[in-house]
PDB file of N, CA and C in Angstrom:
ATOM      1  N   MET A   1     -13.443  28.785   1.431  1.00  0.00           N
ATOM      2  CA  MET A   1     -14.266  27.455   1.817  1.00  0.00           C
ATOM      3  C   MET A   1     -15.198  27.504   2.648  1.00  0.00           C
ATOM      4  N   GLN A   2     -16.295  26.978   2.350  1.00  0.00           N
ATOM      5  CA  GLN A   2     -17.591  26.948   2.507  1.00  0.00           C
ATOM      6  C   GLN A   2     -17.338  25.894   4.121  1.00  0.00           C
ATOM      7  N   ALA A   3     -18.327  25.932   4.902  1.00  0.00           N
ATOM      8  CA  ALA A   3     -18.486  25.125   5.827  1.00  0.00           C
ATOM      9  C   ALA A   3     -18.675  23.733   5.655  1.00  0.00           C
ATOM     10  N   TRP A   4     -19.279  23.529   4.894  1.00  0.00           N
ATOM     11  CA  TRP A   4     -19.432  22.002   4.595  1.00  0.00           C
ATOM     12  C   TRP A   4     -18.097  21.510   3.740  1.00  0.00           C
ATOM     13  N   GLN A   5     -17.839  22.220   3.179  1.00  0.00           N
ATOM     14  CA  GLN A   5     -16.357  21.603   2.389  1.00  0.00           C
ATOM     15  C   GLN A   5     -15.529  21.404   3.516  1.00  0.00           C
ATOM     16  N   THR A   6     -15.361  22.468   4.427  1.00  0.00           N
ATOM     17  CA  THR A   6     -14.013  22.368   5.834  1.00  0.00           C
ATOM     18  C   THR A   6     -14.227  20.714   6.104  1.00  0.00           C
ATOM     19  N   ILE A   7     -15.768  20.664   6.626  1.00  0.00           N
ATOM     20  CA  ILE A   7     -15.984  19.539   7.503  1.00  0.00           C
ATOM     21  C   ILE A   7     -15.914  18.239   6.565  1.00  0.00           C
ATOM     22  N   THR A   8     -15.957  17.996   5.256  1.00  0.00           N
ATOM     23  CA  THR A   8     -15.739  16.960   4.689  1.00  0.00           C
ATOM     24  C   THR A   8     -14.036  16.902   4.249  1.00  0.00           C
ATOM     25  N   VAL A   9     -13.463  17.820   4.160  1.00  0.00           N
ATOM     26  CA  VAL A   9     -11.944  17.721   4.164  1.00  0.00           C
ATOM     27  C   VAL A   9     -11.509  17.168   5.471  1.00  0.00           C
ATOM     28  N   ALA A  10     -11.789  17.544   6.550  1.00  0.00           N
ATOM     29  CA  ALA A  10     -11.408  17.005   7.684  1.00  0.00           C
ATOM     30  C   ALA A  10     -11.535  15.643   7.973  1.00  0.00           C
ATOM     31  N   VAL A  11     -12.999  15.343   7.839  1.00  0.00           N
ATOM     32  CA  VAL A  11     -13.317  13.954   7.625  1.00  0.00           C
ATOM     33  C   VAL A  11     -12.545  12.953   6.994  1.00  0.00           C
ATOM     34  N   THR A  12     -12.326  13.344   5.615  1.00  0.00           N
ATOM     35  CA  THR A  12     -11.625  12.583   4.707  1.00  0.00           C
ATOM     36  C   THR A  12      -9.999  12.633   5.259  1.00  0.00           C
ATOM     37  N   GLN A  13      -9.707  13.640   5.762  1.00  0.00           N
ATOM     38  CA  GLN A  13      -8.118  13.677   6.288  1.00  0.00           C
ATOM     39  C   GLN A  13      -8.335  12.326   7.314  1.00  0.00           C
ATOM     40  N   THR A  14      -9.207  12.663   8.097  1.00  0.00           N
ATOM     41  CA  THR A  14      -9.265  11.708   9.201  1.00  0.00           C
ATOM     42  C   THR A  14      -9.091   9.932   8.898  1.00  0.00           C
ATOM     43  N   VAL A  15     -10.179  10.175   7.892  1.00  0.00           N
ATOM     44  CA  VAL A  15     -10.168   8.671   7.408  1.00  0.00           C
ATOM     45  C   VAL A  15      -9.133   7.962   6.822  1.00  0.00           C
ATOM     46  N   PHE A  16      -8.154   9.167   5.675  1.00  0.00           N
ATOM     47  CA  PHE A  16      -7.418   8.551   5.034  1.00  0.00           C
ATOM     48  C   PHE A  16      -6.081   8.558   5.744  1.00  0.00           C
ATOM     49  N   ALA A  17      -5.852   8.974   7.031  1.00  0.00           N
ATOM     50  CA  ALA A  17      -5.143   8.888   8.153  1.00  0.00           C
ATOM     51  C   ALA A  17      -4.889   7.502   8.517  1.00  0.00           C
ATOM     52  N   ILE A  18      -5.924   6.694   8.686  1.00  0.00           N
ATOM     53  CA  ILE A  18      -5.462   5.357   9.375  1.00  0.00           C
ATOM     54  C   ILE A  18      -4.913   4.245   8.366  1.00  0.00           C
ATOM     55  N   PRO A  19      -5.262   4.318   7.037  1.00  0.00           N
ATOM     56  CA  PRO A  19      -4.346   3.424   5.996  1.00  0.00           C
ATOM     57  C   PRO A  19      -3.179   3.755   5.974  1.00  0.00           C
ATOM     58  N   ALA A  20      -2.932   5.367   5.823  1.00  0.00           N
ATOM     59  CA  ALA A  20      -1.303   6.172   5.899  1.00  0.00           C
ATOM     60  C   ALA A  20      -0.687   5.683   6.578  1.00  0.00           C
ATOM     61  N   VAL A  21      -1.216   5.544   8.153  1.00  0.00           N
ATOM     62  CA  VAL A  21      -0.600   5.154   9.235  1.00  0.00           C
ATOM     63  C   VAL A  21      -0.204   3.381   8.923  1.00  0.00           C
ATOM     64  N   ILE A  22      -0.986   2.857   8.305  1.00  0.00           N
ATOM     65  CA  ILE A  22      -0.738   1.381   8.282  1.00  0.00           C
ATOM     66  C   ILE A  22       0.289   1.173   7.221  1.00  0.00           C
ATOM     67  N   CYS A  23       0.328   2.349   6.465  1.00  0.00           N
ATOM     68  CA  CYS A  23       1.329   2.280   5.512  1.00  0.00           C
ATOM     69  C   CYS A  23       2.983   2.545   5.896  1.00  0.00           C
ATOM     70  N   VAL A  24       2.832   3.515   6.481  1.00  0.00           N
ATOM     71  CA  VAL A  24       3.890   3.937   7.355  1.00  0.00           C
ATOM     72  C   VAL A  24       4.500   2.571   8.198  1.00  0.00           C
ATOM     73  N   ILE A  25       3.876   1.879   8.803  1.00  0.00           N
ATOM     74  CA  ILE A  25       4.421   0.953   9.514  1.00  0.00           C
ATOM     75  C   ILE A  25       4.826  -0.372   8.611  1.00  0.00           C
ATOM     76  N   LEU A  26       4.416  -0.416   7.554  1.00  0.00           N
ATOM     77  CA  LEU A  26       4.631  -1.448   6.646  1.00  0.00           C
ATOM     78  C   LEU A  26       6.106  -0.997   6.004  1.00  0.00           C
ATOM     79  N   LEU A  27       6.129   0.414   5.707  1.00  0.00           N
ATOM     80  CA  LEU A  27       7.414   0.999   5.365  1.00  0.00           C
ATOM     81  C   LEU A  27       8.660   0.945   6.240  1.00  0.00           C
ATOM     82  N   PHE A  28       8.230   0.665   7.587  1.00  0.00           N
ATOM     83  CA  PHE A  28       9.543   0.380   8.581  1.00  0.00           C
ATOM     84  C   PHE A  28       9.726  -1.347   8.515  1.00  0.00           C
ATOM     85  N   GLY A  29       8.926  -1.995   7.775  1.00  0.00           N
ATOM     86  CA  GLY A  29       9.288  -3.251   7.541  1.00  0.00           C
ATOM     87  C   GLY A  29       8.519  -4.384   8.829  1.00  0.00           C
ATOM     88  N   ALA A  30       7.569  -3.673   9.419  1.00  0.00           N
ATOM     89  CA  ALA A  30       6.628  -4.212  10.476  1.00  0.00           C
ATOM     90  C   ALA A  30       5.471  -4.399   9.871  1.00  0.00           C
ATOM     91  N   GLY A  31       4.370  -5.322  10.136  1.00  0.00           N
ATOM     92  CA  GLY A  31       2.954  -5.205   9.949  1.00  0.00           C
ATOM     93  C   GLY A  31       2.758  -6.008   8.705  1.00  0.00           C
ATOM     94  N   GLY A  32       3.442  -7.125   8.560  1.00  0.00           N
ATOM     95  CA  GLY A  32       3.128  -7.916   7.293  1.00  0.00           C
ATOM     96  C   GLY A  32       1.702  -8.482   7.251  1.00  0.00           C
ATOM     97  N   GLY A  33       1.306  -8.723   8.782  1.00  0.00           N
ATOM     98  CA  GLY A  33      -0.174  -9.415   8.801  1.00  0.00           C
ATOM     99  C   GLY A  33      -0.917  -8.358   8.257  1.00  0.00           C
ATOM    100  N   MET A  34      -0.952  -7.387   7.700  1.00  0.00           N
ATOM    101  CA  MET A  34      -1.940  -6.305   7.532  1.00  0.00           C
ATOM    102  C   MET A  34      -1.908  -6.265   5.979  1.00  0.00           C
ATOM    103  N   ILE A  35      -1.162  -7.137   5.256  1.00  0.00           N
ATOM    104  CA  ILE A  35      -1.108  -7.551   3.810  1.00  0.00           C
ATOM    105  C   ILE A  35      -1.967  -8.693   3.632  1.00  0.00           C
ATOM    106  N   ALA A  36      -2.826  -8.509   2.711  1.00  0.00           N
ATOM    107  CA  ALA A  36      -3.928  -9.801   2.833  1.00  0.00           C
ATOM    108  C   ALA A  36      -3.362 -11.047   2.097  1.00  0.00           C
ATOM    109  N   GLY A  37      -3.460 -12.073   2.604  1.00  0.00           N
ATOM    110  CA  GLY A  37      -2.867 -13.345   2.253  1.00  0.00           C
ATOM    111  C   GLY A  37      -1.334 -13.592   2.326  1.00  0.00           C
ATOM    112  N   PHE A  38      -0.725 -12.749   3.249  1.00  0.00           N
ATOM    113  CA  PHE A  38       0.608 -12.527   3.618  1.00  0.00           C
ATOM    114  C   PHE A  38       0.891 -13.361   4.857  1.00  0.00           C
ATOM    115  N   HIS A  39       2.035 -14.059   4.921  1.00  0.00           N
ATOM    116  CA  HIS A  39       2.133 -14.934   6.038  1.00  0.00           C
ATOM    117  C   HIS A  39       2.839 -14.071   7.300  1.00  0.00           C
ATOM    118  N   PRO A  40       2.594 -14.757   8.636  1.00  0.00           N
ATOM    119  CA  PRO A  40       3.208 -13.985   9.391  1.00  0.00           C
ATOM    120  C   PRO A  40       4.616 -13.681   9.629  1.00  0.00           C
ATOM    121  N   LYS A  41       5.412 -12.988  10.399  1.00  0.00           N
ATOM    122  CA  LYS A  41       6.653 -12.904  10.630  1.00  0.00           C
ATOM    123  C   LYS A  41       7.315 -14.150  10.950  1.00  0.00           C
ATOM    124  N   PRO A  42       8.473 -14.562   9.957  1.00  0.00           N
ATOM    125  CA  PRO A  42       9.117 -15.808   9.951  1.00  0.00           C
ATOM    126  C   PRO A  42      10.059 -15.547  11.103  1.00  0.00           C
ATOM    127  N   SER A  43      10.755 -17.047  11.609  1.00  0.00           N
ATOM    128  CA  SER A  43      11.653 -16.674  12.832  1.00  0.00           C
ATOM    129  C   SER A  43      13.432 -16.800  11.732  1.00  0.00           C
ATOM    130  N   ASP A  44      13.616 -17.404  10.856  1.00  0.00           N
ATOM    131  CA  ASP A  44      14.972 -17.433  10.523  1.00  0.00           C
ATOM    132  C   ASP A  44      14.950 -16.064  10.135  1.00  0.00           C
ATOM    133  N   HIS A  45      16.271 -15.354  10.559  1.00  0.00           N
ATOM    134  CA  HIS A  45      17.021 -14.051  10.302  1.00  0.00           C
ATOM    135  C   HIS A  45      16.892 -13.650   8.947  1.00  0.00           C
ATOM    136  N   ARG A  46      17.329 -14.509   7.928  1.00  0.00           N
ATOM    137  CA  ARG A  46      17.448 -14.546   6.316  1.00  0.00           C
ATOM    138  C   ARG A  46      16.076 -14.603   6.017  1.00  0.00           C
ATOM    139  N   ALA A  47      15.407 -14.991   6.432  1.00  0.00           N
ATOM    140  CA  ALA A  47      13.657 -15.040   5.836  1.00  0.00           C
ATOM    141  C   ALA A  47      13.103 -13.457   6.180  1.00  0.00           C
ATOM    142  N   VAL A  48      13.467 -13.091   7.497  1.00  0.00           N
ATOM    143  CA  VAL A  48      12.848 -12.161   8.044  1.00  0.00           C
ATOM    144  C   VAL A  48      13.298 -10.739   7.305  1.00  0.00           C
ATOM    145  N   LYS A  49      14.590 -10.891   6.749  1.00  0.00           N
ATOM    146  CA  LYS A  49      15.377  -9.666   5.633  1.00  0.00           C
ATOM    147  C   LYS A  49      14.278  -9.725   4.571  1.00  0.00           C
ATOM    148  N   TYR A  50      13.979 -10.754   3.842  1.00  0.00           N
ATOM    149  CA  TYR A  50      12.997 -10.616   2.826  1.00  0.00           C
ATOM    150  C   TYR A  50      11.626 -10.190   2.957  1.00  0.00           C
ATOM    151  N   TRP A  51      11.228 -10.708   4.018  1.00  0.00           N
ATOM    152  CA  TRP A  51       9.828 -10.567   4.735  1.00  0.00           C
ATOM    153  C   TRP A  51       9.650  -8.873   4.897  1.00  0.00           C
ATOM    154  N   LYS A  52      10.560  -8.334   5.343  1.00  0.00           N
ATOM    155  CA  LYS A  52      10.602  -7.059   5.249  1.00  0.00           C
ATOM    156  C   LYS A  52      10.551  -6.067   4.195  1.00  0.00           C
ATOM    157  N   LYS A  53      11.344  -6.470   3.044  1.00  0.00           N
ATOM    158  CA  LYS A  53      11.365  -6.101   1.885  1.00  0.00           C
ATOM    159  C   LYS A  53      10.115  -6.301   1.092  1.00  0.00           C
ATOM    160  N   VAL A  54       9.311  -7.450   1.331  1.00  0.00           N
ATOM    161  CA  VAL A  54       8.040  -7.353   0.569  1.00  0.00           C
ATOM    162  C   VAL A  54       6.758  -6.397   1.246  1.00  0.00           C
ATOM    163  N   CYS A  55       7.156  -6.054   2.817  1.00  0.00           N
ATOM    164  CA  CYS A  55       6.316  -5.279   3.315  1.00  0.00           C
ATOM    165  C   CYS A  55       6.693  -3.889   2.709  1.00  0.00           C
ATOM    166  N   ARG A  56       7.713  -3.450   2.655  1.00  0.00           N
ATOM    167  CA  ARG A  56       8.148  -2.160   2.076  1.00  0.00           C
ATOM    168  C   ARG A  56       7.935  -2.013   0.482  1.00  0.00           C
ATOM    169  N   ALA A  57       7.843  -3.280  -0.433  1.00  0.00           N
ATOM    170  CA  ALA A  57       7.724  -3.258  -1.703  1.00  0.00           C
ATOM    171  C   ALA A  57       5.806  -2.895  -1.955  1.00  0.00           C
ATOM    172  N   ALA A  58       5.172  -3.254  -1.139  1.00  0.00           N
ATOM    173  CA  ALA A  58       3.774  -3.444  -0.857  1.00  0.00           C
ATOM    174  C   ALA A  58       3.117  -1.889  -0.253  1.00  0.00           C
ATOM    175  N   ALA A  59       4.195  -1.671   0.496  1.00  0.00           N
ATOM    176  CA  ALA A  59       3.812   0.189   0.940  1.00  0.00           C
ATOM    177  C   ALA A  59       3.640   1.119   0.291  1.00  0.00           C
ATOM    178  N   VAL A  60       4.910   0.998  -0.449  1.00  0.00           N
ATOM    179  CA  VAL A  60       5.081   2.356  -1.361  1.00  0.00           C
ATOM    180  C   VAL A  60       3.736   2.581  -2.456  1.00  0.00           C
ATOM    181  N   PRO A  61       3.469   1.394  -3.084  1.00  0.00           N
ATOM    182  CA  PRO A  61       2.462   1.767  -3.853  1.00  0.00           C
ATOM    183  C   PRO A  61       0.779   1.871  -3.729  1.00  0.00           C
ATOM    184  N   ILE A  62       0.786   1.293  -2.302  1.00  0.00           N
ATOM    185  CA  ILE A  62      -0.408   1.499  -1.491  1.00  0.00           C
ATOM    186  C   ILE A  62      -0.323   2.993  -1.262  1.00  0.00           C
ATOM    187  N   LEU A  63       0.531   3.327  -0.780  1.00  0.00           N
ATOM    188  CA  LEU A  63       0.561   4.874   0.197  1.00  0.00           C
ATOM    189  C   LEU A  63       0.155   5.773  -0.975  1.00  0.00           C
ATOM    190  N   LEU A  64       0.909   5.392  -2.485  1.00  0.00           N
ATOM    191  CA  LEU A  64       1.072   6.463  -3.918  1.00  0.00           C
ATOM    192  C   LEU A  64      -0.605   6.238  -4.213  1.00  0.00           C
ATOM    193  N   CYS A  65      -1.498   5.066  -4.049  1.00  0.00           N
ATOM    194  CA  CYS A  65      -2.387   5.179  -4.476  1.00  0.00           C
ATOM    195  C   CYS A  65      -3.471   5.849  -3.730  1.00  0.00           C
ATOM    196  N   LEU A  66      -3.021   5.760  -2.228  1.00  0.00           N
ATOM    197  CA  LEU A  66      -4.060   6.613  -0.980  1.00  0.00           C
ATOM    198  C   LEU A  66      -4.067   7.806  -1.653  1.00  0.00           C
ATOM    199  N   ALA A  67      -2.694   8.405  -1.675  1.00  0.00           N
ATOM    200  CA  ALA A  67      -2.673   9.801  -2.011  1.00  0.00           C
ATOM    201  C   ALA A  67      -3.079  10.212  -3.602  1.00  0.00           C
ATOM    202  N   LEU A  68      -3.506   9.325  -4.373  1.00  0.00           N
ATOM    203  CA  LEU A  68      -4.090   9.844  -5.613  1.00  0.00           C
ATOM    204  C   LEU A  68      -5.807   9.627  -5.148  1.00  0.00           C
ATOM    205  N   ILE A  69      -6.332   8.869  -4.244  1.00  0.00           N
ATOM    206  CA  ILE A  69      -7.482   8.733  -4.144  1.00  0.00           C
ATOM    207  C   ILE A  69      -7.971   9.980  -3.056  1.00  0.00           C
ATOM    208  N   ASP A  70      -7.248  10.501  -2.180  1.00  0.00           N
ATOM    209  CA  ASP A  70      -7.282  11.537  -1.517  1.00  0.00           C
ATOM    210  C   ASP A  70      -7.049  12.863  -2.047  1.00  0.00           C
ATOM    211  N   ALA A  71      -6.270  13.201  -2.764  1.00  0.00           N
ATOM    212  CA  ALA A  71      -6.256  14.210  -3.614  1.00  0.00           C
ATOM    213  C   ALA A  71      -7.328  14.229  -4.809  1.00  0.00           C
ATOM    214  N   SER A  72      -7.927  13.034  -5.209  1.00  0.00           N
ATOM    215  CA  SER A  72      -9.195  13.327  -5.924  1.00  0.00           C
ATOM    216  C   SER A  72     -10.449  13.399  -5.131  1.00  0.00           C
ATOM    217  N   VAL A  73     -10.710  12.942  -4.158  1.00  0.00           N
ATOM    218  CA  VAL A  73     -11.742  13.428  -2.979  1.00  0.00           C
ATOM    219  C   VAL A  73     -11.558  14.818  -2.953  1.00  0.00           C
ATOM    220  N   ILE A  74     -10.553  15.231  -2.639  1.00  0.00           N
ATOM    221  CA  ILE A  74     -10.318  16.927  -2.234  1.00  0.00           C
ATOM    222  C   ILE A  74     -10.684  17.693  -3.371  1.00  0.00           C
ATOM    223  N   CYS A  75     -10.250  17.452  -4.641  1.00  0.00           N
ATOM    224  CA  CYS A  75     -10.504  18.099  -5.797  1.00  0.00           C
ATOM    225  C   CYS A  75     -12.315  17.952  -6.107  1.00  0.00           C
ATOM    226  N   PHE A  76     -12.610  17.069  -5.718  1.00  0.00           N
ATOM    227  CA  PHE A  76     -14.269  16.805  -5.962  1.00  0.00           C
ATOM    228  C   PHE A  76     -14.834  17.550  -5.069  1.00  0.00           C
ATOM    229  N   VAL A  77     -14.822  17.659  -3.734  1.00  0.00           N
ATOM    230  CA  VAL A  77     -15.243  18.607  -2.555  1.00  0.00           C
ATOM    231  C   VAL A  77     -14.750  20.201  -3.325  1.00  0.00           C
ATOM    232  N   LEU A  78     -13.786  20.424  -3.689  1.00  0.00           N
ATOM    233  CA  LEU A  78     -13.480  21.836  -4.101  1.00  0.00           C
ATOM    234  C   LEU A  78     -14.337  22.024  -5.176  1.00  0.00           C
ATOM    235  N   GLY A  79     -14.603  21.461  -6.138  1.00  0.00           N
ATOM    236  CA  GLY A  79     -15.289  21.446  -7.206  1.00  0.00           C
ATOM    237  C   GLY A  79     -14.628  21.444  -8.721  1.00  0.00           C
ATOM    238  N   HIS A  80     -13.108  20.720  -8.492  1.00  0.00           N
ATOM    239  CA  HIS A  80     -12.455  20.811  -9.741  1.00  0.00           C
ATOM    240  C   HIS A  80     -12.811  19.287  -9.893  1.00  0.00           C
ATOM    241  N   ASN A  81     -14.098  18.869 -10.638  1.00  0.00           N
ATOM    242  CA  ASN A  81     -14.068  17.915 -11.313  1.00  0.00           C
ATOM    243  C   ASN A  81     -13.168  17.420 -12.463  1.00  0.00           C
ATOM    244  N   LEU A  82     -12.837  17.886 -13.001  1.00  0.00           N
ATOM    245  CA  LEU A  82     -11.891  17.282 -14.178  1.00  0.00           C
ATOM    246  C   LEU A  82     -10.868  16.666 -13.452  1.00  0.00           C
ATOM    247  N   ALA A  83     -10.047  17.558 -12.436  1.00  0.00           N
ATOM    248  CA  ALA A  83      -8.833  16.992 -11.826  1.00  0.00           C
ATOM    249  C   ALA A  83      -8.991  15.594 -11.142  1.00  0.00           C
ATOM    250  N   GLY A  84     -10.033  16.098 -10.288  1.00  0.00           N
ATOM    251  CA  GLY A  84     -10.521  14.720  -9.551  1.00  0.00           C
ATOM    252  C   GLY A  84     -10.737  13.409 -10.269  1.00  0.00           C
ATOM    253  N   GLY A  85     -11.308  13.573 -11.643  1.00  0.00           N
ATOM    254  CA  GLY A  85     -11.626  12.378 -12.273  1.00  0.00           C
ATOM    255  C   GLY A  85     -10.226  11.981 -12.801  1.00  0.00           C
ATOM    256  N   LEU A  86      -9.449  12.902 -13.232  1.00  0.00           N
ATOM    257  CA  LEU A  86      -8.060  12.328 -13.600  1.00  0.00           C
ATOM    258  C   LEU A  86      -7.326  11.558 -12.654  1.00  0.00           C
ATOM    259  N   LEU A  87      -7.396  12.125 -11.413  1.00  0.00           N
ATOM    260  CA  LEU A  87      -7.016  11.489 -10.096  1.00  0.00           C
ATOM    261  C   LEU A  87      -7.293  10.431  -9.981  1.00  0.00           C
ATOM    262  N   ILE A  88      -8.432  10.098 -10.103  1.00  0.00           N
ATOM    263  CA  ILE A  88      -9.292   8.687  -9.659  1.00  0.00           C
ATOM    264  C   ILE A  88      -8.781   7.657 -10.579  1.00  0.00           C
ATOM    265  N   GLY A  89      -8.807   8.274 -11.983  1.00  0.00           N
ATOM    266  CA  GLY A  89      -8.112   7.279 -12.991  1.00  0.00           C
ATOM    267  C   GLY A  89      -6.868   7.065 -12.768  1.00  0.00           C
ATOM    268  N   ALA A  90      -5.924   7.976 -12.323  1.00  0.00           N
ATOM    269  CA  ALA A  90      -4.333   7.511 -11.992  1.00  0.00           C
ATOM    270  C   ALA A  90      -4.477   6.397 -10.901  1.00  0.00           C
ATOM    271  N   GLY A  91      -5.216   6.956  -9.971  1.00  0.00           N
ATOM    272  CA  GLY A  91      -5.589   5.776  -8.880  1.00  0.00           C
ATOM    273  C   GLY A  91      -5.468   4.587  -9.038  1.00  0.00           C
ATOM    274  N   ALA A  92      -6.846   4.197 -10.145  1.00  0.00           N
ATOM    275  CA  ALA A  92      -7.307   2.924 -10.542  1.00  0.00           C
ATOM    276  C   ALA A  92      -6.267   2.386 -11.012  1.00  0.00           C
ATOM    277  N   ALA A  93      -5.503   3.300 -12.392  1.00  0.00           N
ATOM    278  CA  ALA A  93      -4.376   2.475 -13.301  1.00  0.00           C
ATOM    279  C   ALA A  93      -3.284   1.926 -12.531  1.00  0.00           C
ATOM    280  N   GLU A  94      -2.758   2.675 -11.486  1.00  0.00           N
ATOM    281  CA  GLU A  94      -2.013   2.422 -10.431  1.00  0.00           C
ATOM    282  C   GLU A  94      -1.976   0.932  -9.705  1.00  0.00           C
ATOM    283  N   ALA A  95      -3.578   1.120  -9.567  1.00  0.00           N
ATOM    284  CA  ALA A  95      -3.775  -0.028  -8.785  1.00  0.00           C
ATOM    285  C   ALA A  95      -3.756  -1.113  -9.105  1.00  0.00           C
ATOM    286  N   VAL A  96      -4.072  -1.258 -10.611  1.00  0.00           N
ATOM    287  CA  VAL A  96      -3.964  -2.305 -11.415  1.00  0.00           C
ATOM    288  C   VAL A  96      -3.047  -2.841 -11.689  1.00  0.00           C
ATOM    289  N   VAL A  97      -1.761  -2.098 -12.218  1.00  0.00           N
ATOM    290  CA  VAL A  97      -0.581  -2.165 -12.537  1.00  0.00           C
ATOM    291  C   VAL A  97       0.223  -2.874 -11.233  1.00  0.00           C
ATOM    292  N   PHE A  98      -0.192  -2.387 -10.385  1.00  0.00           N
ATOM    293  CA  PHE A  98       0.367  -2.845  -8.917  1.00  0.00           C
ATOM    294  C   PHE A  98       0.132  -4.287  -8.474  1.00  0.00           C
ATOM    295  N   VAL A  99      -0.958  -4.614  -8.841  1.00  0.00           N
ATOM    296  CA  VAL A  99      -1.651  -5.848  -8.487  1.00  0.00           C
ATOM    297  C   VAL A  99      -0.813  -6.593  -9.628  1.00  0.00           C
ATOM    298  N   LEU A 100      -0.984  -6.477 -10.932  1.00  0.00           N
ATOM    299  CA  LEU A 100      -0.361  -7.320 -11.906  1.00  0.00           C
ATOM    300  C   LEU A 100       1.323  -7.163 -11.663  1.00  0.00           C
ATOM    301  N   VAL A 101       1.938  -6.425 -11.247  1.00  0.00           N
ATOM    302  CA  VAL A 101       3.102  -6.503 -11.361  1.00  0.00           C
ATOM    303  C   VAL A 101       3.379  -7.419  -9.789  1.00  0.00           C
ATOM    304  N   PHE A 102       2.962  -6.917  -9.103  1.00  0.00           N
ATOM    305  CA  PHE A 102       3.135  -7.817  -7.485  1.00  0.00           C
ATOM    306  C   PHE A 102       2.430  -9.274  -7.800  1.00  0.00           C
ATOM    307  N   ASN A 103       1.726  -9.665  -8.609  1.00  0.00           N
ATOM    308  CA  ASN A 103       1.168 -11.183  -8.822  1.00  0.00           C
ATOM    309  C   ASN A 103       1.826 -11.471  -9.963  1.00  0.00           C
ATOM    310  N   CYS A 104       2.419 -11.106 -10.722  1.00  0.00           N
ATOM    311  CA  CYS A 104       2.976 -11.826 -12.133  1.00  0.00           C
ATOM    312  C   CYS A 104       4.523 -11.692 -12.175  1.00  0.00           C
ATOM    313  N   SER A 105       4.997 -10.948 -11.437  1.00  0.00           N
ATOM    314  CA  SER A 105       6.828 -10.592 -11.370  1.00  0.00           C
ATOM    315  C   SER A 105       7.184 -12.036 -10.877  1.00  0.00           C
ATOM    316  N   LYS A 106       8.073 -12.332 -11.386  1.00  0.00           N
ATOM    317  CA  LYS A 106       9.424 -13.599 -10.633  1.00  0.00           C
ATOM    318  C   LYS A 106      10.037 -12.960  -9.550  1.00  0.00           C
ATOM    319  N   TYR A 107      10.094 -11.620  -9.810  1.00  0.00           N
ATOM    320  CA  TYR A 107      10.998 -11.430  -8.463  1.00  0.00           C
ATOM    321  C   TYR A 107      10.210 -11.354  -7.516  1.00  0.00           C
ATOM    322  N   PHE A 108       9.107 -10.675  -7.501  1.00  0.00           N
ATOM    323  CA  PHE A 108       8.412 -10.743  -6.371  1.00  0.00           C
ATOM    324  C   PHE A 108       7.684 -11.701  -6.090  1.00  0.00           C
ATOM    325  N   SER A 109       7.565 -13.003  -6.584  1.00  0.00           N
ATOM    326  CA  SER A 109       7.441 -14.150  -6.369  1.00  0.00           C
ATOM    327  C   SER A 109       8.494 -14.526  -5.550  1.00  0.00           C
ATOM    328  N   ALA A 110       9.732 -14.734  -5.947  1.00  0.00           N
ATOM    329  CA  ALA A 110      10.795 -15.240  -5.252  1.00  0.00           C
ATOM    330  C   ALA A 110      11.141 -14.345  -4.207  1.00  0.00           C
ATOM    331  N   MET A 111      10.914 -13.250  -4.049  1.00  0.00           N
ATOM    332  CA  MET A 111      11.186 -12.604  -2.806  1.00  0.00           C
ATOM    333  C   MET A 111      10.043 -12.956  -1.763  1.00  0.00           C
ATOM    334  N   ILE A 112       8.771 -13.348  -2.099  1.00  0.00           N
ATOM    335  CA  ILE A 112       7.818 -13.820  -1.202  1.00  0.00           C
ATOM    336  C   ILE A 112       8.308 -15.311  -0.595  1.00  0.00           C
ATOM    337  N   ALA A 113       8.740 -16.108  -1.845  1.00  0.00           N
ATOM    338  CA  ALA A 113       9.094 -17.565  -1.150  1.00  0.00           C
ATOM    339  C   ALA A 113      10.251 -17.269  -0.270  1.00  0.00           C
ATOM    340  N   MET A 114      11.150 -16.377  -0.773  1.00  0.00           N
ATOM    341  CA  MET A 114      12.700 -16.497   0.323  1.00  0.00           C
ATOM    342  C   MET A 114      12.178 -15.767   1.818  1.00  0.00           C
ATOM    343  N   SER A 115      10.790 -15.273   1.679  1.00  0.00           N
ATOM    344  CA  SER A 115      10.317 -14.523   3.155  1.00  0.00           C
ATOM    345  C   SER A 115      10.091 -15.610   4.109  1.00  0.00           C
ATOM    346  N   LYS A 116       9.886 -16.875   3.595  1.00  0.00           N
ATOM    347  CA  LYS A 116       9.175 -17.902   4.412  1.00  0.00           C
ATOM    348  C   LYS A 116      10.262 -18.776   5.044  1.00  0.00           C
ATOM    349  N   ASP A 117      10.170 -19.319   6.488  1.00  0.00           N
ATOM    350  CA  ASP A 117      11.025 -20.104   6.807  1.00  0.00           C
ATOM    351  C   ASP A 117      11.251 -21.483   5.837  1.00  0.00           C
ATOM    352  N   GLU A 118      10.261 -22.230   5.732  1.00  0.00           N
ATOM    353  CA  GLU A 118      10.423 -23.451   4.703  1.00  0.00           C
ATOM    354  C   GLU A 118      11.321 -23.212   3.691  1.00  0.00           C
ATOM    355  N   TYR A 119      11.287 -21.811   3.143  1.00  0.00           N
ATOM    356  CA  TYR A 119      12.651 -21.680   2.118  1.00  0.00           C
ATOM    357  C   TYR A 119      13.800 -21.874   2.521  1.00  0.00           C
ATOM    358  N   TRP A 120      14.468 -21.446   3.737  1.00  0.00           N
ATOM    359  CA  TRP A 120      15.632 -21.494   4.365  1.00  0.00           C
ATOM    360  C   TRP A 120      15.824 -22.771   4.774  1.00  0.00           C
ATOM    361  N   GLU A 121      14.719 -23.627   5.271  1.00  0.00           N
ATOM    362  CA  GLU A 121      14.715 -25.063   5.719  1.00  0.00           C
ATOM    363  C   GLU A 121      15.748 -26.034   4.601  1.00  0.00           C
ATOM    364  N   LYS A 122      14.888 -25.609   3.312  1.00  0.00           N
ATOM    365  CA  LYS A 122      15.464 -26.482   2.200  1.00  0.00           C
ATOM    366  C   LYS A 122      16.344 -26.296   1.850  1.00  0.00           C
ATOM    367  N   GLN A 123      16.899 -25.026   1.956  1.00  0.00           N
ATOM    368  CA  GLN A 123      18.533 -24.462   1.421  1.00  0.00           C
ATOM    369  C   GLN A 123      19.705 -25.048   2.293  1.00  0.00           C
ATOM    370  N   GLY A 124      19.282 -25.353   3.469  1.00  0.00           N
ATOM    371  CA  GLY A 124      20.162 -26.070   4.329  1.00  0.00           C
ATOM    372  C   GLY A 124      20.711 -24.929   5.497  1.00  0.00           C
TER     373      GLY A 124
END
């Protein structure tokens, strides 16, 4: 590996480590404020349970997409352009499917609704 490739790989891994750490925090069920448009942690213990589920459900596809993009950048740096292009395409397709499923699924909509204090106040 040439020096410029080593430096590029080191910088890439450093840059991708930050969102990977954020995803790990989400996998532990914390840091829901890092999800765009998601509400802060509720106070009701029943709502907190679903809030953590939403955090975990969002973290897994984000982590997968990050891994695909990271691998594609490394492939491009090492000169494997076909593999890098395929991985970028897979990452883009996975991101589109994730957004569609997360926004259009009744399951996720219900889980997001149940992660709010207002839902459990109405339930009694």
